[in-house]
Every structure is written in structure tokens, then in C-alpha cells.
Amino acid sequence: MQRHPKIGLSVAILSAMPMFAQTQNLTPAALASRAKAQNVPEIPYESVPNLLKFPANLYLGEGIGVATNSKGHIFVYTRSQRTRLFEFDPKGNYVREIGEGLYGFVFAHAVRVDSQDNIWAVDEGANMVIKFNPEGRVVMTLGRRPEPTDALAAPPPPGPAANPGKYVFDRPTDVGWDAAGNIFVSDGYGNSRVVKYDKNGRFIATVGSKGSEPGQFNLPHTLAVDAKGNVYVGDRSNRRIQVFDDDLTFKAIYDNVGAPWEVCVSPGAHQYLFSSNSFPDGNDSTLSTVTGEIYKMELDGTIVGKFGKAGKQLGEFSGLHEIDCRNPDELYISEIQLWRVQKIVLHPNGK
């Protein structure tokens, strides 16, 4: 059968028109923010309303971090009048505040819970990673809060330190662990590196410097570790996820899911990697149509599906900053701009 060349050309032009219509009015920033992955299956989901129940006269500020423990308790790290860490039961009832008035609480960035239910707070302002036991007592600190007298010294030159110290952070962003309890810290806004410590906090190795080559970072904003010790680093301003092995040897790059503000690896026999192409906190409205979604991926980078979009309604996301994926079908999500935490229930089989 012969195919008329003019008909084929017309079909090709018509099929390309929707894509052209979607992109012709986008600003350069919006085009840059759009994820490369196209035609990704949508995962049905819902958001649970009225999740957290605060006592009278206690309020949530910016939703900076959220994590759960093995009992289903929810930990929320927030920037309000001051940095605070709250605990809620599985039904969202307020339980307690942890670390009230703590010297290491200055400017919250992330909270995680390890396999022994220890609670770890990463404080960008104090340059510290703080480990609490399940009872809420401080049992380890990494890093050091700058003393007021440090401001009297000559200021360092702009840019990352040439040789950052083994135990000195510059605006750290996240923490994770391998099966042996070794600790990984993304350090972060200033030092553009990932550091590995043993379970007692002794330095082992580091990787990274400022740049865009493999193994370099332009804001390592988040990290997660799988059961084999592979480390997934959200290299946010380079718009990619970098993967390293347990010795921090570079392995791979996933660069098709936008800017990874947050990554999370679920536990269990079949682990998934979640990555958020978050609507930024700069309130650039032109980006809202091309960001806000969360990708569900296999650990090798294969995209399973995506869900969500930028917005202010229940089930939409604005300034998504952290994901807890202890249960890969029930996610907890904290948001900066909307001062909230959402519980998202996925229905991957359409049920």
C-alpha cells in the first residue's frame, strides 16, 4: 500500500501541535524546570484531610521535614517563630515536643528516623546533625554550631572551602544510613559534598566539590540510602540524581525527573526511589504548570509513574521539602509554602 507523502507530513505536523502549544508560551525558566521524562503514567492518589491535631495555641510553621518511626508516629520539623520538632501518634494526635530550646536548633532542614527509631535532625543554621534516642534525649552530634565570637574573625573568602574539615559542615541538608549503621550526610549549601562516618561518628570518606561533572554537586539538597548501601543524592541545582556505592564511588546519573528537592528510598524486599520535582519557594508562577510532581522509580532509575502537581489544594504540592516513604503506598509530605504536612495514599493498581 502506498502512503501519500503529503498526508504523512500533515499527520506529523498535527501530532506535533499539542506539544508545541504546551511549550511555546513557557518562559526560559519554565522550560529549564520541566522534567525530561514524557508520557509518564499517572498514579491515582488521595490526600487524607485534617491529618495533624495540634493543641490550642500551638501552630505549625514552614513544613520543613517529616518522618515516621516503626510505630507509625509522625515527627514534624518546622521553622516557625523558632525551629521546633513535634511528635504525633499514627492518628495525628499531638504527643510532645522534642528538643525544646535546644542549642542546635537554629534553622531546620530535615528530620529522619533510623531503623532503631532514633530521630535525627539536620539543622542548616547550626551546621549540625543531631541524633535523639527514641525517648528524645540527645545521644550524638555531628558538626558544630558557630560561636558568636566566630563572627569577629576575618570572614572567609566567598565560595566553598578549599579543604572543608572532616567534622565541620556548611549548611548541611540531609542524613541517611546503610545496613551497618554508617552515617551519610549531604553537606550541602556550602561544601557541595557527601560525607560518610561510621556508626560512632568517626570520619570515613567524602566525595564531591562544586561543579557539574559526575561526582560534583551544585547543591546536594537531599539523600537516601538503599539496602545495599547505594547512596542517592538529589543534586538539585544540577537537576539530577547521582548514585554512589557504599564507598562513595560514583555509579550513575538520573537526569530526567527535574530538580530533585527531595529523594526517599522505601524499605522492604522491593525498594522504590521517590523524587520530587518541587514547585520552588520563589513563587515564580510560570513554573507551576511544569513542576510539583513526584516520581516513583525503580532503583535503577526506571520510572514507574508520577503523581501530583503544583498548587494549594489538598493533594497538590507547593514547596515540597521532605517525603517519608516508610510505606511506599502511604507517603507523608512536608511543604514550606503552605505550612502543612500531607498524608498521601497511592493507588498504584487503580484501586
Protein backbone atom coordinates (compact mmCIF):
# COMPACT_ATOMS: atom_id res chain seq x y z
CA MET A 1 0.00 0.00 0.00
CA GLN A 2 1.35 3.41 -0.95
CA ARG A 3 1.32 6.22 1.60
CA HIS A 4 0.77 9.70 0.24
CA PRO A 5 3.74 11.86 1.39
CA LYS A 6 1.57 14.94 1.88
CA ILE A 7 -0.80 13.06 4.18
CA GLY A 8 2.10 11.72 6.22
CA LEU A 9 3.53 15.21 6.57
CA SER A 10 0.16 16.60 7.66
CA VAL A 11 -0.26 13.91 10.29
CA ALA A 12 3.22 14.60 11.64
CA ILE A 13 2.53 18.34 11.87
CA LEU A 14 -0.82 17.81 13.59
CA SER A 15 0.64 15.36 16.08
CA ALA A 16 3.39 17.81 16.98
CA MET A 17 1.00 20.74 17.51
CA PRO A 18 -0.11 19.80 21.08
CA MET A 19 3.50 19.60 22.24
CA PHE A 20 4.31 22.91 20.52
CA ALA A 21 1.25 24.53 22.10
CA GLN A 22 2.38 23.33 25.53
CA THR A 23 5.86 24.83 25.21
CA GLN A 24 5.62 27.95 23.05
CA ASN A 25 4.40 30.18 25.89
CA LEU A 26 6.77 28.90 28.55
CA THR A 27 9.48 31.16 29.91
CA PRO A 28 13.13 30.00 29.72
CA ALA A 29 12.94 29.24 33.45
CA ALA A 30 9.88 27.08 32.94
CA LEU A 31 11.46 25.24 30.03
CA ALA A 32 14.53 24.57 32.17
CA SER A 33 12.39 23.35 35.08
CA ARG A 34 10.39 20.88 33.06
CA ALA A 35 11.32 17.24 33.57
CA LYS A 36 12.76 15.47 30.55
CA ALA A 37 10.65 12.35 31.09
CA GLN A 38 7.48 12.45 28.99
CA ASN A 39 4.34 10.29 28.77
CA VAL A 40 4.83 9.00 32.31
CA PRO A 41 1.84 7.02 33.68
CA GLU A 42 -0.20 8.83 36.32
CA ILE A 43 -0.61 7.04 39.66
CA PRO A 44 -4.04 7.59 41.26
CA TYR A 45 -3.82 9.00 44.78
CA GLU A 46 -5.68 10.85 47.51
CA SER A 47 -4.75 13.12 50.41
CA VAL A 48 -6.04 12.42 53.93
CA PRO A 49 -7.71 15.57 55.30
CA ASN A 50 -7.12 17.04 58.78
CA LEU A 51 -4.04 14.94 59.47
CA LEU A 52 -2.37 16.72 62.40
CA LYS A 53 -4.27 17.77 65.54
CA PHE A 54 -2.43 20.49 67.43
CA PRO A 55 -3.34 21.56 70.96
CA ALA A 56 -4.74 25.05 71.44
CA ASN A 57 -2.31 27.92 70.76
CA LEU A 58 0.31 25.70 69.11
CA TYR A 59 0.85 26.07 65.38
CA LEU A 60 2.91 24.62 62.55
CA GLY A 61 5.23 26.95 60.66
CA GLU A 62 7.01 26.02 57.45
CA GLY A 63 6.78 22.29 56.79
CA ILE A 64 10.50 21.56 56.54
CA GLY A 65 10.74 17.89 57.49
CA VAL A 66 8.58 14.86 58.21
CA ALA A 67 9.44 11.28 59.20
CA THR A 68 7.78 8.26 60.81
CA ASN A 69 9.04 5.54 63.15
CA SER A 70 8.27 1.82 63.31
CA LYS A 71 5.18 2.50 65.45
CA GLY A 72 3.71 4.90 62.92
CA HIS A 73 4.41 8.01 64.96
CA ILE A 74 4.92 11.15 62.88
CA PHE A 75 7.77 13.60 63.50
CA VAL A 76 7.49 17.10 62.05
CA TYR A 77 10.42 19.52 61.90
CA THR A 78 9.30 23.11 61.42
CA ARG A 79 10.51 26.68 61.16
CA SER A 80 8.05 28.89 62.96
CA GLN A 81 8.94 31.61 65.47
CA ARG A 82 11.82 29.25 66.14
CA THR A 83 12.90 25.80 64.98
CA ARG A 84 10.84 23.06 66.66
CA LEU A 85 10.38 19.29 66.45
CA PHE A 86 6.94 17.80 67.18
CA GLU A 87 5.75 14.21 67.57
CA PHE A 88 2.25 12.92 66.74
CA ASP A 89 0.69 9.46 67.07
CA PRO A 90 -0.44 7.48 63.99
CA LYS A 91 -3.84 9.19 64.09
CA GLY A 92 -2.24 12.62 64.08
CA ASN A 93 -2.82 13.39 67.75
CA TYR A 94 -0.17 15.60 69.33
CA VAL A 95 2.21 13.69 71.63
CA ARG A 96 5.09 16.01 72.60
CA GLU A 97 7.77 18.45 71.57
CA ILE A 98 11.33 17.13 71.34
CA GLY A 99 14.39 19.30 71.99
CA GLU A 100 12.58 22.44 73.07
CA GLY A 101 15.11 25.27 73.36
CA LEU A 102 17.95 23.04 72.09
CA TYR A 103 21.19 24.91 71.31
CA GLY A 104 21.47 23.04 67.99
CA PHE A 105 18.03 24.15 66.77
CA VAL A 106 18.53 27.27 64.63
CA PHE A 107 17.19 26.72 61.09
CA ALA A 108 15.56 23.34 60.40
CA HIS A 109 16.25 21.43 57.20
CA ALA A 110 15.40 17.70 57.54
CA VAL A 111 14.33 15.03 60.01
CA ARG A 112 14.82 11.27 59.55
CA VAL A 113 14.23 8.18 61.71
CA ASP A 114 16.65 5.24 61.52
CA SER A 115 15.95 1.51 61.85
CA GLN A 116 16.29 1.66 65.66
CA ASP A 117 13.76 4.51 65.88
CA ASN A 118 16.41 7.10 66.70
CA ILE A 119 15.38 10.54 65.47
CA TRP A 120 17.91 12.61 63.51
CA ALA A 121 17.52 16.35 62.93
CA VAL A 122 19.62 18.16 60.33
CA ASP A 123 19.90 21.84 61.17
CA GLU A 124 21.17 24.05 58.37
CA GLY A 125 21.58 27.10 60.59
CA ALA A 126 23.52 25.36 63.38
CA ASN A 127 25.64 23.35 60.90
CA MET A 128 24.79 20.27 62.97
CA VAL A 129 23.26 16.82 62.67
CA ILE A 130 21.66 15.82 65.98
CA LYS A 131 20.72 12.28 66.99
CA PHE A 132 17.97 11.74 69.58
CA ASN A 133 17.19 8.34 71.06
CA PRO A 134 13.53 7.20 70.94
CA GLU A 135 12.97 8.82 74.34
CA GLY A 136 14.02 12.19 72.91
CA ARG A 137 17.44 12.54 74.56
CA VAL A 138 20.43 13.80 72.57
CA VAL A 139 22.91 10.94 72.17
CA MET A 140 25.18 12.17 69.35
CA THR A 141 26.01 15.35 67.48
CA LEU A 142 27.95 15.84 64.27
CA GLY A 143 29.20 19.26 63.26
CA ARG A 144 29.41 22.40 65.36
CA ARG A 145 27.29 25.49 65.77
CA PRO A 146 29.31 28.64 65.05
CA GLU A 147 30.01 30.60 68.22
CA PRO A 148 29.17 34.32 68.37
CA THR A 149 32.90 35.07 68.59
CA ASP A 150 33.40 33.41 65.19
CA ALA A 151 31.78 36.46 63.63
CA LEU A 152 34.64 38.58 64.96
CA ALA A 153 37.22 36.68 62.95
CA ALA A 154 38.13 37.65 59.39
CA PRO A 155 35.38 36.40 57.07
CA PRO A 156 36.33 33.50 54.80
CA PRO A 157 36.52 34.12 51.04
CA PRO A 158 33.26 33.54 49.15
CA GLY A 159 32.50 30.08 47.84
CA PRO A 160 33.06 26.59 49.27
CA ALA A 161 36.05 25.91 51.48
CA ALA A 162 39.08 24.51 49.67
CA ASN A 163 39.57 21.83 52.31
CA PRO A 164 36.42 21.55 54.44
CA GLY A 165 37.04 19.84 57.75
CA LYS A 166 36.05 16.26 58.40
CA TYR A 167 33.59 17.31 61.10
CA VAL A 168 32.74 20.86 60.01
CA PHE A 169 29.62 21.39 57.91
CA ASP A 170 28.44 24.39 55.92
CA ARG A 171 24.63 24.34 55.83
CA PRO A 172 24.06 20.55 55.76
CA THR A 173 20.83 19.27 54.26
CA ASP A 174 20.15 15.57 54.95
CA VAL A 175 21.25 12.31 56.60
CA GLY A 176 20.95 8.57 55.89
CA TRP A 177 22.43 5.20 56.94
CA ASP A 178 23.48 1.90 55.45
CA ALA A 179 22.74 -1.52 56.94
CA ALA A 180 25.89 -1.38 59.11
CA GLY A 181 24.79 1.91 60.66
CA ASN A 182 27.32 4.06 58.80
CA ILE A 183 26.11 7.65 58.53
CA PHE A 184 25.93 9.69 55.33
CA VAL A 185 25.48 13.49 55.44
CA SER A 186 24.81 15.77 52.47
CA ASP A 187 26.80 18.91 53.17
CA GLY A 188 25.05 20.88 51.41
CA TYR A 189 24.68 24.52 50.50
CA GLY A 190 28.27 25.48 51.30
CA ASN A 191 30.59 22.49 50.89
CA SER A 192 28.90 20.64 47.97
CA ARG A 193 29.84 17.17 49.20
CA VAL A 194 28.62 13.98 50.86
CA VAL A 195 30.46 12.71 53.95
CA LYS A 196 30.48 9.17 55.37
CA TYR A 197 31.00 8.40 59.09
CA ASP A 198 30.89 5.13 60.98
CA LYS A 199 28.07 4.42 63.42
CA ASN A 200 30.02 6.15 66.20
CA GLY A 201 30.53 9.31 64.17
CA ARG A 202 34.14 8.73 63.08
CA PHE A 203 35.04 10.10 59.65
CA ILE A 204 35.48 7.53 56.86
CA ALA A 205 35.29 9.24 53.47
CA THR A 206 33.96 12.16 51.48
CA VAL A 207 33.04 12.83 47.86
CA GLY A 208 32.19 15.94 45.93
CA SER A 209 33.08 19.54 45.17
CA LYS A 210 31.29 22.42 43.50
CA GLY A 211 30.62 21.72 39.83
CA SER A 212 28.56 19.84 37.26
CA GLU A 213 30.82 16.93 36.39
CA PRO A 214 29.95 13.39 37.60
CA GLY A 215 30.77 13.25 41.30
CA GLN A 216 30.47 17.02 41.69
CA PHE A 217 27.43 18.82 43.11
CA ASN A 218 25.56 22.06 42.77
CA LEU A 219 23.54 21.90 45.98
CA PRO A 220 23.22 18.31 47.25
CA HIS A 221 19.84 19.01 48.84
CA THR A 222 18.75 15.51 49.87
CA LEU A 223 19.96 11.91 50.03
CA ALA A 224 18.71 8.38 50.67
CA VAL A 225 20.43 5.01 51.07
CA ASP A 226 19.15 1.62 49.87
CA ALA A 227 19.58 -1.80 51.47
CA LYS A 228 22.84 -2.43 49.59
CA GLY A 229 24.36 0.84 50.75
CA ASN A 230 23.94 2.71 47.48
CA VAL A 231 23.55 6.43 48.10
CA TYR A 232 21.10 8.50 46.02
CA VAL A 233 21.89 12.22 46.14
CA GLY A 234 19.46 14.87 44.95
CA ASP A 235 21.84 17.24 43.14
CA ARG A 236 19.17 19.92 42.98
CA SER A 237 20.67 22.81 41.03
CA ASN A 238 22.28 20.39 38.56
CA ARG A 239 18.78 18.90 38.08
CA ARG A 240 19.84 15.29 38.55
CA ILE A 241 20.11 12.40 40.98
CA GLN A 242 23.61 10.99 41.40
CA VAL A 243 24.15 7.45 42.63
CA PHE A 244 27.20 6.25 44.59
CA ASP A 245 28.07 2.92 46.13
CA ASP A 246 28.67 2.40 49.84
CA ASP A 247 32.29 3.58 49.47
CA LEU A 248 31.08 6.79 47.75
CA THR A 249 32.35 5.66 44.36
CA PHE A 250 30.31 7.20 41.56
CA LYS A 251 27.90 4.85 39.76
CA ALA A 252 25.18 6.61 37.77
CA ILE A 253 23.17 9.75 37.00
CA TYR A 254 19.39 10.02 36.59
CA ASP A 255 18.68 13.37 34.94
CA ASN A 256 15.14 13.05 33.55
CA VAL A 257 12.91 13.84 36.56
CA GLY A 258 13.53 17.55 37.04
CA ALA A 259 15.14 19.16 40.07
CA PRO A 260 15.20 16.66 42.97
CA TRP A 261 14.32 18.74 46.00
CA GLU A 262 13.70 15.52 47.91
CA VAL A 263 14.50 11.83 47.42
CA CYS A 264 13.35 8.90 49.54
CA VAL A 265 14.01 5.15 49.28
CA SER A 266 11.35 2.85 50.71
CA PRO A 267 12.35 -0.16 52.85
CA GLY A 268 11.35 -3.78 52.23
CA ALA A 269 12.17 -6.51 49.74
CA HIS A 270 11.21 -4.33 46.76
CA GLN A 271 12.53 -0.84 47.27
CA TYR A 272 11.38 2.22 45.34
CA LEU A 273 13.00 5.59 44.84
CA PHE A 274 10.78 8.67 45.10
CA SER A 275 11.92 12.04 43.76
CA SER A 276 10.11 15.38 43.82
CA ASN A 277 10.41 17.98 41.09
CA SER A 278 9.16 20.53 43.60
CA PHE A 279 7.47 23.82 42.80
CA PRO A 280 10.12 26.20 44.18
CA ASP A 281 9.69 28.55 47.10
CA GLY A 282 10.49 31.61 44.97
CA ASN A 283 6.83 31.82 43.91
CA ASP A 284 7.56 32.00 40.17
CA SER A 285 4.07 31.29 38.87
CA THR A 286 5.34 30.37 35.40
CA LEU A 287 6.85 27.21 36.90
CA SER A 288 3.63 25.90 38.41
CA THR A 289 2.50 24.21 35.19
CA VAL A 290 5.70 22.20 34.75
CA THR A 291 6.70 21.29 38.33
CA GLY A 292 5.17 19.94 41.51
CA GLU A 293 5.02 16.27 40.56
CA ILE A 294 6.58 13.32 42.42
CA TYR A 295 8.15 10.42 40.52
CA LYS A 296 8.10 6.80 41.67
CA MET A 297 11.09 4.92 40.29
CA GLU A 298 12.88 1.60 40.44
CA LEU A 299 16.33 1.85 41.98
CA ASP A 300 17.90 1.59 38.51
CA GLY A 301 16.16 4.81 37.50
CA THR A 302 13.26 3.26 35.60
CA ILE A 303 10.20 5.45 36.13
CA VAL A 304 7.14 3.56 37.37
CA GLY A 305 4.80 6.55 37.39
CA LYS A 306 4.20 10.02 38.78
CA PHE A 307 1.54 11.87 40.76
CA GLY A 308 0.72 15.37 41.95
CA LYS A 309 1.08 18.90 40.64
CA ALA A 310 1.86 22.35 41.94
CA GLY A 311 -0.97 24.02 43.82
CA LYS A 312 -2.51 24.90 47.16
CA GLN A 313 -5.41 22.47 47.36
CA LEU A 314 -5.42 19.15 49.20
CA GLY A 315 -3.40 16.70 47.11
CA GLU A 316 -1.39 19.45 45.43
CA PHE A 317 2.13 20.48 46.47
CA SER A 318 3.85 23.81 46.98
CA GLY A 319 7.48 23.93 48.07
CA LEU A 320 7.59 20.21 48.87
CA HIS A 321 10.64 19.75 51.10
CA GLU A 322 10.62 16.22 52.53
CA ILE A 323 8.97 12.83 51.90
CA ASP A 324 8.64 9.90 54.29
CA CYS A 325 8.16 6.67 52.32
CA ARG A 326 8.36 4.01 55.05
CA ASN A 327 5.22 2.60 53.42
CA PRO A 328 5.60 3.16 49.65
CA ASP A 329 1.82 3.43 49.27
CA GLU A 330 1.35 5.86 52.17
CA LEU A 331 3.62 8.87 51.97
CA TYR A 332 3.99 11.79 54.36
CA ILE A 333 4.93 15.07 52.70
CA SER A 334 6.01 18.39 54.23
CA GLU A 335 5.60 21.70 52.40
CA ILE A 336 7.34 25.01 53.01
CA GLN A 337 4.94 27.50 51.50
CA LEU A 338 1.65 26.08 52.78
CA TRP A 339 2.81 25.36 56.35
CA ARG A 340 1.49 21.81 56.36
CA VAL A 341 2.10 18.07 56.24
CA GLN A 342 0.00 15.85 53.99
CA LYS A 343 -0.57 12.09 54.09
CA ILE A 344 -0.79 10.81 50.53
CA VAL A 345 -2.30 7.39 49.80
CA LEU A 346 -1.27 5.93 46.43
CA HIS A 347 -3.44 3.54 44.48
CA PRO A 348 -0.87 2.07 42.08
CA ASN A 349 -3.28 -0.61 40.88
CA GLY A 350 -6.10 1.84 40.40
CA LYS A 351 -7.99 0.56 43.45
